[in-house]
């Protein structure tokens, strides 16, 4: 260790400037750390709207510098975090503060600091500890025009940073490594972090073929996967709703590079690392989850489950058991595909392009609601179903009944599945590629203007839609969603035009009467 601990330079600048980044939602605004050594009695003053964890940095930085056999200034130290009106939170600024102090005392060359930005928490011994949002900072740094700096981060964050350009980050383990880098950037050899990619699970795990029967629900699952549509399954317990839901993610094709990078960035902002960002995420929060846990929030906003399910699936089991106030918060993100969180001192935006998949029982007891097998009163059933608002139901494209499995099928088993998983995956992949090639997006994202530019419907389809609009009391949103699902059904059958059979199947997913008990 002594080989890097040269005596402080006689040309100490007594002031220095380093760069780091704060975390506000998915955004990482640049923070300038300025250190001044005015002399006088010993003291450490930290200004620039630091919160508790940032104010405690002065003790971590001092101990880390001293435990690395470096000299901490004896007199007064003033550190300013600019801009002063931006609240700084967490221990992510520790490393930048330490580098700024060491530069001000002349222990590291000041001219090399401008080539880097620094992020990381310091232990008392000088190790670099992980922080959240490293990938967000690396992507923001890369996207800035004319930017030549490199981001120095803890090695513990290196795996997520494989999603960023290789020459934009430097993952190090210790404060001493940072000092070696700054003393000789040209000859420093960086350690290569492990890859974040992972091979797919074997086909036998969580296969759609494991679900016995339920051919109607399986067909709806394929339609939902092919067009990115939202799906609600209603049926008594033990009919396979949860099993079907957990197999939807297997039907979805792997994400592209840009989509995987967006998923990894959301996880980074939450302080998590996905096992495989190229696999669409599957999130299944418990029904006791709070509103900030679902949509995001907090004093320093973190992404919620709907953002962690970006480009993937959000599964809400036992849907009526979620608080109605929490469920109603999903209505705007289902339309806008993002969530904007406003606080008194900050605003944060998180992506929320998720596919909603929900399951529920037909009544509080969970049995089929008739006089022979259910003890629920009609009023109890209405209150149970009424916990799900009409506007939320209107935003769900497919409503599917999952009935009891016949006893004979349970006893004898299903020898040959009506819909093999391999065929379903191939159909979904082909339908999605058709949609991207034709319109640049999935059918679920089609606007009314996009639908108006599609080939006109024939007379039989128009007549069927007209009758169904009156019978099912379709809203304008519901009408357009019927057309979107019909377009997906046509894509699965490799049809260029929407016909009456496609409209009929799409309408069958809207035929559930929520007010009849």
Foldseek 3Di string as FASTA:
>chain_A
DVVLQDDADPPQQQKAKAKAWADFFLATDIKIKMKHFPFDAADEAEAQQEDDQCVCLVQLLVLQCVLVVHDQDRGYMYIYIPPSLDHHDHQQCNLVNNVRRCNNRRSFPRVLRVQEHETFHAGSNFWGDADFQPLSVLVVQVPDPPRRHAYEHALVCQALCVLHPPRRYAHDTGSSLVRVCRRPVVPDDGDHHDYLADDDDDCVPLFPLVQFDPPVVLVVLLLCQQFVFAEEEEEFPPLCQVSSLVCSLVLHAFADSVQLSLLSSLQRQQVHGDSHSRRQDEAEDALVDDLCQAQWDDPRTHGHPLLNRASHEYEYEQVLSHQLVNLVVVLVCLQPQKDWDDDPSGIYIGGRNHHYYYYHYQFPVRHDDDPPPDPDDLVRSLVSLVSHPPSSVLRHQFYHYRYHDDPVCVVVPDPDDPDGRVNSSVLSVQSNVVCCVPPNHGLSNDDPVNLVPAPDADPLQVVVLVVLCVVLVRDPSNSSSLVSSLSSVCSSVPHRDRYNVSSVVSSVRSPDDSNDD
